[in-house]
Amino acid sequence: MRRTIHRAFVVLAFSATASCAMIDHYTGEDVNKQVRENGISASAEVLEIWDTGTRLNDNPVVGFRLRVTVDNGEPYEAETKNVVSIVHIPQVQPGAILPVKVDPDDPQRVALAIYEDR
């Protein structure tokens, strides 16, 4: 009996971990977490947003077309998607200037850094 409970726990833990990884991949948060941890700070103007149709804890996954500016660099356009708290939607509208992180090895990998001050 004890062995059965242990196996069930292991299967449940593995399933939960796999589910989180799938959700992160589907929402783009797997890449965004890496970029936020290792990326270069920059700013980006929101040029366009769209609803991807995906939600995470009732918060939308929003697609962004951005004009990214890294210090001493030419502005360029990039697209990304980020989970955005429903209460922050008014702050990420076209025309807004947002803090972002940029992957130093792939400047097209951009993640919003709007929650880093917390």
PDB file of N, CA and C in Angstrom:
ATOM      1  N   MET A   1       0.827  -1.195   0.000  1.00  0.00           N
ATOM      2  CA  MET A   1       0.000   0.000   0.000  1.00  0.00           C
ATOM      3  C   MET A   1       0.876   1.266   0.000  1.00  0.00           C
ATOM      4  N   ARG A   2       1.875   1.254   0.865  1.00  0.00           N
ATOM      5  CA  ARG A   2       2.758   2.406   0.966  1.00  0.00           C
ATOM      6  C   ARG A   2       3.484   2.643  -0.356  1.00  0.00           C
ATOM      7  N   ARG A   3       3.887   1.570  -1.010  1.00  0.00           N
ATOM      8  CA  ARG A   3       4.589   1.669  -2.279  1.00  0.00           C
ATOM      9  C   ARG A   3       3.668   2.239  -3.368  1.00  0.00           C
ATOM     10  N   THR A   4       2.415   1.855  -3.356  1.00  0.00           N
ATOM     11  CA  THR A   4       1.431   2.355  -4.312  1.00  0.00           C
ATOM     12  C   THR A   4       1.227   3.862  -4.132  1.00  0.00           C
ATOM     13  N   ILE A   5       1.146   4.298  -2.892  1.00  0.00           N
ATOM     14  CA  ILE A   5       0.973   5.736  -2.619  1.00  0.00           C
ATOM     15  C   ILE A   5       2.206   6.502  -3.091  1.00  0.00           C
ATOM     16  N   HIS A   6       3.376   5.955  -2.844  1.00  0.00           N
ATOM     17  CA  HIS A   6       4.612   6.609  -3.280  1.00  0.00           C
ATOM     18  C   HIS A   6       4.643   6.730  -4.806  1.00  0.00           C
ATOM     19  N   ARG A   7       4.297   5.672  -5.508  1.00  0.00           N
ATOM     20  CA  ARG A   7       4.261   5.713  -6.976  1.00  0.00           C
ATOM     21  C   ARG A   7       3.243   6.725  -7.474  1.00  0.00           C
ATOM     22  N   ALA A   8       2.087   6.759  -6.842  1.00  0.00           N
ATOM     23  CA  ALA A   8       1.051   7.710  -7.244  1.00  0.00           C
ATOM     24  C   ALA A   8       1.548   9.144  -7.053  1.00  0.00           C
ATOM     25  N   PHE A   9       2.244   9.384  -5.949  1.00  0.00           N
ATOM     26  CA  PHE A   9       2.785  10.714  -5.693  1.00  0.00           C
ATOM     27  C   PHE A   9       3.813  11.093  -6.752  1.00  0.00           C
ATOM     28  N   VAL A  10       4.694  10.163  -7.101  1.00  0.00           N
ATOM     29  CA  VAL A  10       5.719  10.428  -8.114  1.00  0.00           C
ATOM     30  C   VAL A  10       5.067  10.733  -9.460  1.00  0.00           C
ATOM     31  N   VAL A  11       4.068   9.955  -9.838  1.00  0.00           N
ATOM     32  CA  VAL A  11       3.366  10.184 -11.099  1.00  0.00           C
ATOM     33  C   VAL A  11       2.673  11.539 -11.075  1.00  0.00           C
ATOM     34  N   LEU A  12       2.029  11.868  -9.983  1.00  0.00           N
ATOM     35  CA  LEU A  12       1.339  13.152  -9.854  1.00  0.00           C
ATOM     36  C   LEU A  12       2.328  14.314  -9.938  1.00  0.00           C
ATOM     37  N   ALA A  13       3.462  14.207  -9.245  1.00  0.00           N
ATOM     38  CA  ALA A  13       4.467  15.265  -9.278  1.00  0.00           C
ATOM     39  C   ALA A  13       5.029  15.432 -10.688  1.00  0.00           C
ATOM     40  N   PHE A  14       5.311  14.327 -11.355  1.00  0.00           N
ATOM     41  CA  PHE A  14       5.821  14.390 -12.722  1.00  0.00           C
ATOM     42  C   PHE A  14       4.797  15.033 -13.647  1.00  0.00           C
ATOM     43  N   SER A  15       3.539  14.645 -13.501  1.00  0.00           N
ATOM     44  CA  SER A  15       2.474  15.206 -14.349  1.00  0.00           C
ATOM     45  C   SER A  15       2.331  16.702 -14.144  1.00  0.00           C
ATOM     46  N   ALA A  16       2.403  17.143 -12.895  1.00  0.00           N
ATOM     47  CA  ALA A  16       2.275  18.573 -12.607  1.00  0.00           C
ATOM     48  C   ALA A  16       3.439  19.346 -13.215  1.00  0.00           C
ATOM     49  N   THR A  17       4.642  18.816 -13.090  1.00  0.00           N
ATOM     50  CA  THR A  17       5.816  19.471 -13.656  1.00  0.00           C
ATOM     51  C   THR A  17       5.721  19.538 -15.174  1.00  0.00           C
ATOM     52  N   ALA A  18       5.322  18.438 -15.785  1.00  0.00           N
ATOM     53  CA  ALA A  18       5.176  18.410 -17.246  1.00  0.00           C
ATOM     54  C   ALA A  18       4.098  19.380 -17.703  1.00  0.00           C
ATOM     55  N   SER A  19       3.010  19.467 -16.952  1.00  0.00           N
ATOM     56  CA  SER A  19       1.927  20.393 -17.310  1.00  0.00           C
ATOM     57  C   SER A  19       2.400  21.837 -17.256  1.00  0.00           C
ATOM     58  N   CYS A  20       3.152  22.186 -16.224  1.00  0.00           N
ATOM     59  CA  CYS A  20       3.673  23.555 -16.111  1.00  0.00           C
ATOM     60  C   CYS A  20       4.613  23.868 -17.268  1.00  0.00           C
ATOM     61  N   ALA A  21       5.453  22.913 -17.621  1.00  0.00           N
ATOM     62  CA  ALA A  21       6.376  23.130 -18.740  1.00  0.00           C
ATOM     63  C   ALA A  21       5.612  23.314 -20.046  1.00  0.00           C
ATOM     64  N   MET A  22       4.557  22.548 -20.249  1.00  0.00           N
ATOM     65  CA  MET A  22       3.751  22.688 -21.467  1.00  0.00           C
ATOM     66  C   MET A  22       3.071  24.047 -21.505  1.00  0.00           C
ATOM     67  N   ILE A  23       2.531  24.474 -20.369  1.00  0.00           N
ATOM     68  CA  ILE A  23       1.861  25.778 -20.310  1.00  0.00           C
ATOM     69  C   ILE A  23       2.862  26.893 -20.598  1.00  0.00           C
ATOM     70  N   ASP A  24       4.042  26.815 -19.963  1.00  0.00           N
ATOM     71  CA  ASP A  24       5.066  27.831 -20.204  1.00  0.00           C
ATOM     72  C   ASP A  24       5.454  27.873 -21.675  1.00  0.00           C
ATOM     73  N   HIS A  25       5.592  26.713 -22.302  1.00  0.00           N
ATOM     74  CA  HIS A  25       5.958  26.679 -23.718  1.00  0.00           C
ATOM     75  C   HIS A  25       4.838  27.259 -24.579  1.00  0.00           C
ATOM     76  N   TYR A  26       3.603  26.897 -24.283  1.00  0.00           N
ATOM     77  CA  TYR A  26       2.466  27.343 -25.082  1.00  0.00           C
ATOM     78  C   TYR A  26       2.248  28.846 -24.972  1.00  0.00           C
ATOM     79  N   THR A  27       2.522  29.414 -23.798  1.00  0.00           N
ATOM     80  CA  THR A  27       2.312  30.854 -23.599  1.00  0.00           C
ATOM     81  C   THR A  27       3.544  31.686 -23.946  1.00  0.00           C
ATOM     82  N   GLY A  28       4.684  31.034 -24.176  1.00  0.00           N
ATOM     83  CA  GLY A  28       5.915  31.750 -24.457  1.00  0.00           C
ATOM     84  C   GLY A  28       6.707  32.092 -23.212  1.00  0.00           C
ATOM     85  N   GLU A  29       6.186  31.751 -22.053  1.00  0.00           N
ATOM     86  CA  GLU A  29       6.861  32.117 -20.810  1.00  0.00           C
ATOM     87  C   GLU A  29       8.154  31.355 -20.591  1.00  0.00           C
ATOM     88  N   ASP A  30       8.334  30.199 -21.227  1.00  0.00           N
ATOM     89  CA  ASP A  30       9.607  29.492 -21.083  1.00  0.00           C
ATOM     90  C   ASP A  30      10.745  30.332 -21.645  1.00  0.00           C
ATOM     91  N   VAL A  31      10.561  30.886 -22.828  1.00  0.00           N
ATOM     92  CA  VAL A  31      11.569  31.746 -23.446  1.00  0.00           C
ATOM     93  C   VAL A  31      11.673  33.066 -22.682  1.00  0.00           C
ATOM     94  N   ASN A  32      10.533  33.638 -22.324  1.00  0.00           N
ATOM     95  CA  ASN A  32      10.541  34.933 -21.641  1.00  0.00           C
ATOM     96  C   ASN A  32      11.295  34.876 -20.320  1.00  0.00           C
ATOM     97  N   LYS A  33      11.145  33.789 -19.563  1.00  0.00           N
ATOM     98  CA  LYS A  33      11.866  33.663 -18.290  1.00  0.00           C
ATOM     99  C   LYS A  33      13.373  33.682 -18.522  1.00  0.00           C
ATOM    100  N   GLN A  34      13.828  32.962 -19.532  1.00  0.00           N
ATOM    101  CA  GLN A  34      15.260  32.942 -19.846  1.00  0.00           C
ATOM    102  C   GLN A  34      15.754  34.328 -20.241  1.00  0.00           C
ATOM    103  N   VAL A  35      14.982  35.004 -21.077  1.00  0.00           N
ATOM    104  CA  VAL A  35      15.387  36.330 -21.544  1.00  0.00           C
ATOM    105  C   VAL A  35      15.386  37.324 -20.383  1.00  0.00           C
ATOM    106  N   ARG A  36      14.392  37.252 -19.511  1.00  0.00           N
ATOM    107  CA  ARG A  36      14.359  38.170 -18.372  1.00  0.00           C
ATOM    108  C   ARG A  36      15.559  37.955 -17.446  1.00  0.00           C
ATOM    109  N   GLU A  37      15.978  36.708 -17.275  1.00  0.00           N
ATOM    110  CA  GLU A  37      17.106  36.408 -16.386  1.00  0.00           C
ATOM    111  C   GLU A  37      18.446  36.824 -16.992  1.00  0.00           C
ATOM    112  N   ASN A  38      18.619  36.617 -18.296  1.00  0.00           N
ATOM    113  CA  ASN A  38      19.928  36.799 -18.925  1.00  0.00           C
ATOM    114  C   ASN A  38      19.989  37.937 -19.932  1.00  0.00           C
ATOM    115  N   GLY A  39      18.868  38.624 -20.135  1.00  0.00           N
ATOM    116  CA  GLY A  39      18.812  39.615 -21.196  1.00  0.00           C
ATOM    117  C   GLY A  39      19.392  40.964 -20.840  1.00  0.00           C
ATOM    118  N   ILE A  40      19.531  41.762 -21.880  1.00  0.00           N
ATOM    119  CA  ILE A  40      20.010  43.134 -21.779  1.00  0.00           C
ATOM    120  C   ILE A  40      18.803  44.051 -21.625  1.00  0.00           C
ATOM    121  N   SER A  41      18.874  44.995 -20.721  1.00  0.00           N
ATOM    122  CA  SER A  41      17.779  45.950 -20.531  1.00  0.00           C
ATOM    123  C   SER A  41      17.674  46.874 -21.731  1.00  0.00           C
ATOM    124  N   ALA A  42      16.449  47.130 -22.136  1.00  0.00           N
ATOM    125  CA  ALA A  42      16.181  48.013 -23.272  1.00  0.00           C
ATOM    126  C   ALA A  42      14.789  48.607 -23.069  1.00  0.00           C
ATOM    127  N   SER A  43      14.364  49.408 -24.030  1.00  0.00           N
ATOM    128  CA  SER A  43      12.989  49.922 -24.012  1.00  0.00           C
ATOM    129  C   SER A  43      12.357  49.599 -25.354  1.00  0.00           C
ATOM    130  N   ALA A  44      11.041  49.562 -25.353  1.00  0.00           N
ATOM    131  CA  ALA A  44      10.340  49.239 -26.586  1.00  0.00           C
ATOM    132  C   ALA A  44       9.038  50.017 -26.660  1.00  0.00           C
ATOM    133  N   GLU A  45       8.758  50.523 -27.840  1.00  0.00           N
ATOM    134  CA  GLU A  45       7.473  51.164 -28.097  1.00  0.00           C
ATOM    135  C   GLU A  45       6.525  50.102 -28.634  1.00  0.00           C
ATOM    136  N   VAL A  46       5.346  50.054 -28.063  1.00  0.00           N
ATOM    137  CA  VAL A  46       4.337  49.116 -28.536  1.00  0.00           C
ATOM    138  C   VAL A  46       3.757  49.665 -29.835  1.00  0.00           C
ATOM    139  N   LEU A  47       3.897  48.913 -30.914  1.00  0.00           N
ATOM    140  CA  LEU A  47       3.348  49.321 -32.209  1.00  0.00           C
ATOM    141  C   LEU A  47       1.982  48.690 -32.451  1.00  0.00           C
ATOM    142  N   GLU A  48       1.812  47.476 -31.968  1.00  0.00           N
ATOM    143  CA  GLU A  48       0.563  46.748 -32.203  1.00  0.00           C
ATOM    144  C   GLU A  48       0.432  45.674 -31.134  1.00  0.00           C
ATOM    145  N   ILE A  49      -0.797  45.400 -30.707  1.00  0.00           N
ATOM    146  CA  ILE A  49      -1.063  44.280 -29.813  1.00  0.00           C
ATOM    147  C   ILE A  49      -2.215  43.474 -30.379  1.00  0.00           C
ATOM    148  N   TRP A  50      -2.267  42.195 -29.999  1.00  0.00           N
ATOM    149  CA  TRP A  50      -3.403  41.356 -30.385  1.00  0.00           C
ATOM    150  C   TRP A  50      -3.590  40.280 -29.328  1.00  0.00           C
ATOM    151  N   ASP A  51      -4.823  39.850 -29.218  1.00  0.00           N
ATOM    152  CA  ASP A  51      -5.180  38.781 -28.295  1.00  0.00           C
ATOM    153  C   ASP A  51      -4.870  37.457 -28.977  1.00  0.00           C
ATOM    154  N   THR A  52      -4.069  36.614 -28.336  1.00  0.00           N
ATOM    155  CA  THR A  52      -3.728  35.314 -28.916  1.00  0.00           C
ATOM    156  C   THR A  52      -4.831  34.289 -28.685  1.00  0.00           C
ATOM    157  N   GLY A  53      -5.792  34.625 -27.830  1.00  0.00           N
ATOM    158  CA  GLY A  53      -6.865  33.683 -27.518  1.00  0.00           C
ATOM    159  C   GLY A  53      -6.521  32.734 -26.383  1.00  0.00           C
ATOM    160  N   THR A  54      -5.333  32.878 -25.816  1.00  0.00           N
ATOM    161  CA  THR A  54      -4.893  32.013 -24.722  1.00  0.00           C
ATOM    162  C   THR A  54      -4.975  32.787 -23.419  1.00  0.00           C
ATOM    163  N   ARG A  55      -5.331  32.102 -22.351  1.00  0.00           N
ATOM    164  CA  ARG A  55      -5.402  32.703 -21.019  1.00  0.00           C
ATOM    165  C   ARG A  55      -4.582  31.860 -20.054  1.00  0.00           C
ATOM    166  N   LEU A  56      -3.995  32.512 -19.072  1.00  0.00           N
ATOM    167  CA  LEU A  56      -3.305  31.838 -17.986  1.00  0.00           C
ATOM    168  C   LEU A  56      -3.788  32.480 -16.697  1.00  0.00           C
ATOM    169  N   ASN A  57      -4.487  31.725 -15.886  1.00  0.00           N
ATOM    170  CA  ASN A  57      -5.100  32.253 -14.656  1.00  0.00           C
ATOM    171  C   ASN A  57      -5.964  33.471 -14.960  1.00  0.00           C
ATOM    172  N   ASP A  58      -6.743  33.389 -15.998  1.00  0.00           N
ATOM    173  CA  ASP A  58      -7.656  34.446 -16.458  1.00  0.00           C
ATOM    174  C   ASP A  58      -6.947  35.664 -17.039  1.00  0.00           C
ATOM    175  N   ASN A  59      -5.624  35.649 -17.126  1.00  0.00           N
ATOM    176  CA  ASN A  59      -4.882  36.746 -17.733  1.00  0.00           C
ATOM    177  C   ASN A  59      -4.564  36.403 -19.181  1.00  0.00           C
ATOM    178  N   PRO A  60      -4.710  37.358 -20.090  1.00  0.00           N
ATOM    179  CA  PRO A  60      -4.486  37.069 -21.507  1.00  0.00           C
ATOM    180  C   PRO A  60      -3.014  36.941 -21.869  1.00  0.00           C
ATOM    181  N   VAL A  61      -2.757  36.086 -22.840  1.00  0.00           N
ATOM    182  CA  VAL A  61      -1.458  36.047 -23.490  1.00  0.00           C
ATOM    183  C   VAL A  61      -1.597  36.992 -24.676  1.00  0.00           C
ATOM    184  N   VAL A  62      -0.827  38.067 -24.666  1.00  0.00           N
ATOM    185  CA  VAL A  62      -0.952  39.134 -25.644  1.00  0.00           C
ATOM    186  C   VAL A  62       0.228  39.076 -26.609  1.00  0.00           C
ATOM    187  N   GLY A  63      -0.071  39.189 -27.891  1.00  0.00           N
ATOM    188  CA  GLY A  63       0.978  39.306 -28.904  1.00  0.00           C
ATOM    189  C   GLY A  63       1.357  40.763 -29.060  1.00  0.00           C
ATOM    190  N   PHE A  64       2.634  41.015 -29.266  1.00  0.00           N
ATOM    191  CA  PHE A  64       3.147  42.377 -29.387  1.00  0.00           C
ATOM    192  C   PHE A  64       4.033  42.515 -30.611  1.00  0.00           C
ATOM    193  N   ARG A  65       3.870  43.626 -31.319  1.00  0.00           N
ATOM    194  CA  ARG A  65       4.864  44.070 -32.300  1.00  0.00           C
ATOM    195  C   ARG A  65       5.477  45.312 -31.685  1.00  0.00           C
ATOM    196  N   LEU A  66       6.805  45.270 -31.508  1.00  0.00           N
ATOM    197  CA  LEU A  66       7.510  46.305 -30.760  1.00  0.00           C
ATOM    198  C   LEU A  66       8.602  46.956 -31.602  1.00  0.00           C
ATOM    199  N   ARG A  67       8.895  48.214 -31.308  1.00  0.00           N
ATOM    200  CA  ARG A  67      10.091  48.875 -31.832  1.00  0.00           C
ATOM    201  C   ARG A  67      11.056  48.950 -30.649  1.00  0.00           C
ATOM    202  N   VAL A  68      12.068  48.111 -30.692  1.00  0.00           N
ATOM    203  CA  VAL A  68      13.007  47.939 -29.582  1.00  0.00           C
ATOM    204  C   VAL A  68      14.206  48.855 -29.766  1.00  0.00           C
ATOM    205  N   THR A  69      14.621  49.497 -28.672  1.00  0.00           N
ATOM    206  CA  THR A  69      15.808  50.347 -28.691  1.00  0.00           C
ATOM    207  C   THR A  69      16.731  49.912 -27.557  1.00  0.00           C
ATOM    208  N   VAL A  70      17.894  49.401 -27.934  1.00  0.00           N
ATOM    209  CA  VAL A  70      18.942  49.043 -26.983  1.00  0.00           C
ATOM    210  C   VAL A  70      19.910  50.213 -26.948  1.00  0.00           C
ATOM    211  N   ASP A  71      20.485  50.506 -25.790  1.00  0.00           N
ATOM    212  CA  ASP A  71      21.439  51.625 -25.678  1.00  0.00           C
ATOM    213  C   ASP A  71      22.456  51.590 -26.800  1.00  0.00           C
ATOM    214  N   ASN A  72      22.669  52.746 -27.426  1.00  0.00           N
ATOM    215  CA  ASN A  72      23.651  52.916 -28.503  1.00  0.00           C
ATOM    216  C   ASN A  72      23.383  52.030 -29.714  1.00  0.00           C
ATOM    217  N   GLY A  73      22.140  51.664 -29.916  1.00  0.00           N
ATOM    218  CA  GLY A  73      21.813  50.832 -31.068  1.00  0.00           C
ATOM    219  C   GLY A  73      20.690  51.420 -31.885  1.00  0.00           C
ATOM    220  N   GLU A  74      20.565  50.941 -33.095  1.00  0.00           N
ATOM    221  CA  GLU A  74      19.482  51.367 -33.975  1.00  0.00           C
ATOM    222  C   GLU A  74      18.190  50.663 -33.558  1.00  0.00           C
ATOM    223  N   PRO A  75      17.064  51.383 -33.534  1.00  0.00           N
ATOM    224  CA  PRO A  75      15.789  50.734 -33.231  1.00  0.00           C
ATOM    225  C   PRO A  75      15.466  49.676 -34.286  1.00  0.00           C
ATOM    226  N   TYR A  76      14.820  48.626 -33.865  1.00  0.00           N
ATOM    227  CA  TYR A  76      14.406  47.560 -34.777  1.00  0.00           C
ATOM    228  C   TYR A  76      13.078  46.993 -34.291  1.00  0.00           C
ATOM    229  N   GLU A  77      12.386  46.307 -35.160  1.00  0.00           N
ATOM    230  CA  GLU A  77      11.101  45.714 -34.804  1.00  0.00           C
ATOM    231  C   GLU A  77      11.264  44.251 -34.439  1.00  0.00           C
ATOM    232  N   ALA A  78      10.459  43.829 -33.467  1.00  0.00           N
ATOM    233  CA  ALA A  78      10.438  42.435 -33.036  1.00  0.00           C
ATOM    234  C   ALA A  78       9.022  42.101 -32.582  1.00  0.00           C
ATOM    235  N   GLU A  79       8.699  40.825 -32.636  1.00  0.00           N
ATOM    236  CA  GLU A  79       7.410  40.353 -32.138  1.00  0.00           C
ATOM    237  C   GLU A  79       7.638  39.396 -30.987  1.00  0.00           C
ATOM    238  N   THR A  80       6.729  39.442 -30.027  1.00  0.00           N
ATOM    239  CA  THR A  80       6.786  38.549 -28.881  1.00  0.00           C
ATOM    240  C   THR A  80       5.376  38.342 -28.366  1.00  0.00           C
ATOM    241  N   LYS A  81       5.246  37.437 -27.431  1.00  0.00           N
ATOM    242  CA  LYS A  81       3.983  37.296 -26.722  1.00  0.00           C
ATOM    243  C   LYS A  81       4.303  37.160 -25.245  1.00  0.00           C
ATOM    244  N   ASN A  82       3.452  37.758 -24.426  1.00  0.00           N
ATOM    245  CA  ASN A  82       3.641  37.757 -22.981  1.00  0.00           C
ATOM    246  C   ASN A  82       2.305  37.633 -22.292  1.00  0.00           C
ATOM    247  N   VAL A  83       2.308  36.945 -21.153  1.00  0.00           N
ATOM    248  CA  VAL A  83       1.139  36.957 -20.278  1.00  0.00           C
ATOM    249  C   VAL A  83       1.108  38.337 -19.652  1.00  0.00           C
ATOM    250  N   VAL A  84      -0.048  38.987 -19.719  1.00  0.00           N
ATOM    251  CA  VAL A  84      -0.186  40.330 -19.151  1.00  0.00           C
ATOM    252  C   VAL A  84      -1.345  40.308 -18.169  1.00  0.00           C
ATOM    253  N   SER A  85      -1.094  40.768 -16.967  1.00  0.00           N
ATOM    254  CA  SER A  85      -2.164  40.872 -15.990  1.00  0.00           C
ATOM    255  C   SER A  85      -3.282  41.724 -16.573  1.00  0.00           C
ATOM    256  N   ILE A  86      -4.499  41.300 -16.371  1.00  0.00           N
ATOM    257  CA  ILE A  86      -5.658  42.014 -16.911  1.00  0.00           C
ATOM    258  C   ILE A  86      -5.668  43.469 -16.432  1.00  0.00           C
ATOM    259  N   VAL A  87      -5.139  43.739 -15.240  1.00  0.00           N
ATOM    260  CA  VAL A  87      -5.128  45.118 -14.739  1.00  0.00           C
ATOM    261  C   VAL A  87      -4.050  45.966 -15.406  1.00  0.00           C
ATOM    262  N   HIS A  88      -3.096  45.339 -16.102  1.00  0.00           N
ATOM    263  CA  HIS A  88      -2.042  46.089 -16.791  1.00  0.00           C
ATOM    264  C   HIS A  88      -2.327  46.318 -18.274  1.00  0.00           C
ATOM    265  N   ILE A  89      -3.429  45.794 -18.776  1.00  0.00           N
ATOM    266  CA  ILE A  89      -3.748  45.951 -20.204  1.00  0.00           C
ATOM    267  C   ILE A  89      -3.755  47.423 -20.627  1.00  0.00           C
ATOM    268  N   PRO A  90      -4.316  48.348 -19.839  1.00  0.00           N
ATOM    269  CA  PRO A  90      -4.287  49.756 -20.278  1.00  0.00           C
ATOM    270  C   PRO A  90      -2.870  50.320 -20.428  1.00  0.00           C
ATOM    271  N   GLN A  91      -1.887  49.740 -19.748  1.00  0.00           N
ATOM    272  CA  GLN A  91      -0.516  50.250 -19.793  1.00  0.00           C
ATOM    273  C   GLN A  91       0.284  49.724 -20.978  1.00  0.00           C
ATOM    274  N   VAL A  92      -0.254  48.744 -21.719  1.00  0.00           N
ATOM    275  CA  VAL A  92       0.510  48.131 -22.811  1.00  0.00           C
ATOM    276  C   VAL A  92      -0.123  48.388 -24.179  1.00  0.00           C
ATOM    277  N   GLN A  93      -0.840  49.460 -24.293  1.00  0.00           N
ATOM    278  CA  GLN A  93      -1.501  49.811 -25.548  1.00  0.00           C
ATOM    279  C   GLN A  93      -0.492  50.408 -26.538  1.00  0.00           C
ATOM    280  N   PRO A  94      -0.822  50.389 -27.838  1.00  0.00           N
ATOM    281  CA  PRO A  94       0.069  51.000 -28.834  1.00  0.00           C
ATOM    282  C   PRO A  94       0.442  52.432 -28.443  1.00  0.00           C
ATOM    283  N   GLY A  95       1.729  52.727 -28.599  1.00  0.00           N
ATOM    284  CA  GLY A  95       2.263  54.031 -28.230  1.00  0.00           C
ATOM    285  C   GLY A  95       2.978  54.009 -26.890  1.00  0.00           C
ATOM    286  N   ALA A  96       2.680  53.023 -26.058  1.00  0.00           N
ATOM    287  CA  ALA A  96       3.328  52.929 -24.745  1.00  0.00           C
ATOM    288  C   ALA A  96       4.801  52.552 -24.912  1.00  0.00           C
ATOM    289  N   ILE A  97       5.622  53.085 -24.042  1.00  0.00           N
ATOM    290  CA  ILE A  97       7.043  52.736 -23.985  1.00  0.00           C
ATOM    291  C   ILE A  97       7.221  51.836 -22.760  1.00  0.00           C
ATOM    292  N   LEU A  98       7.731  50.623 -22.992  1.00  0.00           N
ATOM    293  CA  LEU A  98       7.827  49.630 -21.929  1.00  0.00           C
ATOM    294  C   LEU A  98       9.274  49.176 -21.728  1.00  0.00           C
ATOM    295  N   PRO A  99       9.609  48.815 -20.485  1.00  0.00           N
ATOM    296  CA  PRO A  99      10.918  48.198 -20.270  1.00  0.00           C
ATOM    297  C   PRO A  99      10.875  46.762 -20.787  1.00  0.00           C
ATOM    298  N   VAL A 100      11.938  46.340 -21.445  1.00  0.00           N
ATOM    299  CA  VAL A 100      12.042  44.983 -21.963  1.00  0.00           C
ATOM    300  C   VAL A 100      13.435  44.450 -21.692  1.00  0.00           C
ATOM    301  N   LYS A 101      13.580  43.158 -21.877  1.00  0.00           N
ATOM    302  CA  LYS A 101      14.886  42.505 -21.865  1.00  0.00           C
ATOM    303  C   LYS A 101      15.060  41.871 -23.228  1.00  0.00           C
ATOM    304  N   VAL A 102      16.282  41.930 -23.748  1.00  0.00           N
ATOM    305  CA  VAL A 102      16.599  41.421 -25.081  1.00  0.00           C
ATOM    306  C   VAL A 102      17.673  40.345 -24.941  1.00  0.00           C
ATOM    307  N   ASP A 103      17.478  39.228 -25.592  1.00  0.00           N
ATOM    308  CA  ASP A 103      18.471  38.160 -25.610  1.00  0.00           C
ATOM    309  C   ASP A 103      19.711  38.667 -26.346  1.00  0.00           C
ATOM    310  N   PRO A 104      20.889  38.686 -25.713  1.00  0.00           N
ATOM    311  CA  PRO A 104      22.081  39.218 -26.378  1.00  0.00           C
ATOM    312  C   PRO A 104      22.513  38.380 -27.585  1.00  0.00           C
ATOM    313  N   ASP A 105      22.115  37.117 -27.621  1.00  0.00           N
ATOM    314  CA  ASP A 105      22.494  36.244 -28.740  1.00  0.00           C
ATOM    315  C   ASP A 105      21.467  36.247 -29.872  1.00  0.00           C
ATOM    316  N   ASP A 106      20.246  36.685 -29.580  1.00  0.00           N
ATOM    317  CA  ASP A 106      19.179  36.715 -30.579  1.00  0.00           C
ATOM    318  C   ASP A 106      18.270  37.902 -30.287  1.00  0.00           C
ATOM    319  N   PRO A 107      18.547  39.079 -30.866  1.00  0.00           N
ATOM    320  CA  PRO A 107      17.793  40.290 -30.545  1.00  0.00           C
ATOM    321  C   PRO A 107      16.293  40.200 -30.853  1.00  0.00           C
ATOM    322  N   GLN A 108      15.867  39.187 -31.604  1.00  0.00           N
ATOM    323  CA  GLN A 108      14.441  39.026 -31.867  1.00  0.00           C
ATOM    324  C   GLN A 108      13.711  38.404 -30.670  1.00  0.00           C
ATOM    325  N   ARG A 109      14.458  37.850 -29.737  1.00  0.00           N
ATOM    326  CA  ARG A 109      13.853  37.301 -28.515  1.00  0.00           C
ATOM    327  C   ARG A 109      13.773  38.421 -27.484  1.00  0.00           C
ATOM    328  N   VAL A 110      12.564  38.920 -27.292  1.00  0.00           N
ATOM    329  CA  VAL A 110      12.309  40.066 -26.420  1.00  0.00           C
ATOM    330  C   VAL A 110      11.233  39.680 -25.418  1.00  0.00           C
ATOM    331  N   ALA A 111      11.424  40.073 -24.168  1.00  0.00           N
ATOM    332  CA  ALA A 111      10.434  39.806 -23.127  1.00  0.00           C
ATOM    333  C   ALA A 111      10.111  41.096 -22.387  1.00  0.00           C
ATOM    334  N   LEU A 112       8.847  41.303 -22.106  1.00  0.00           N
ATOM    335  CA  LEU A 112       8.460  42.468 -21.312  1.00  0.00           C
ATOM    336  C   LEU A 112       9.052  42.342 -19.916  1.00  0.00           C
ATOM    337  N   ALA A 113       9.465  43.449 -19.360  1.00  0.00           N
ATOM    338  CA  ALA A 113      10.028  43.483 -18.013  1.00  0.00           C
ATOM    339  C   ALA A 113       9.203  44.404 -17.137  1.00  0.00           C
ATOM    340  N   ILE A 114       7.899  44.471 -17.364  1.00  0.00           N
ATOM    341  CA  ILE A 114       7.053  45.427 -16.650  1.00  0.00           C
ATOM    342  C   ILE A 114       6.777  45.016 -15.210  1.00  0.00           C
ATOM    343  N   TYR A 115       7.042  43.755 -14.844  1.00  0.00           N
ATOM    344  CA  TYR A 115       6.761  43.285 -13.499  1.00  0.00           C
ATOM    345  C   TYR A 115       8.012  43.191 -12.640  1.00  0.00           C
ATOM    346  N   GLU A 116       9.159  43.604 -13.131  1.00  0.00           N
ATOM    347  CA  GLU A 116      10.412  43.408 -12.421  1.00  0.00           C
ATOM    348  C   GLU A 116      10.587  44.336 -11.224  1.00  0.00           C
ATOM    349  N   ASP A 117       9.819  45.401 -11.116  1.00  0.00           N
ATOM    350  CA  ASP A 117       9.988  46.335 -10.008  1.00  0.00           C
ATOM    351  C   ASP A 117       9.341  45.835  -8.719  1.00  0.00           C
ATOM    352  N   ARG A 118       8.585  44.745  -8.803  1.00  0.00           N
ATOM    353  CA  ARG A 118       7.903  44.256  -7.615  1.00  0.00           C
ATOM    354  C   ARG A 118       8.815  43.509  -6.703  1.00  0.00           C
TER     355      ARG A 118
END
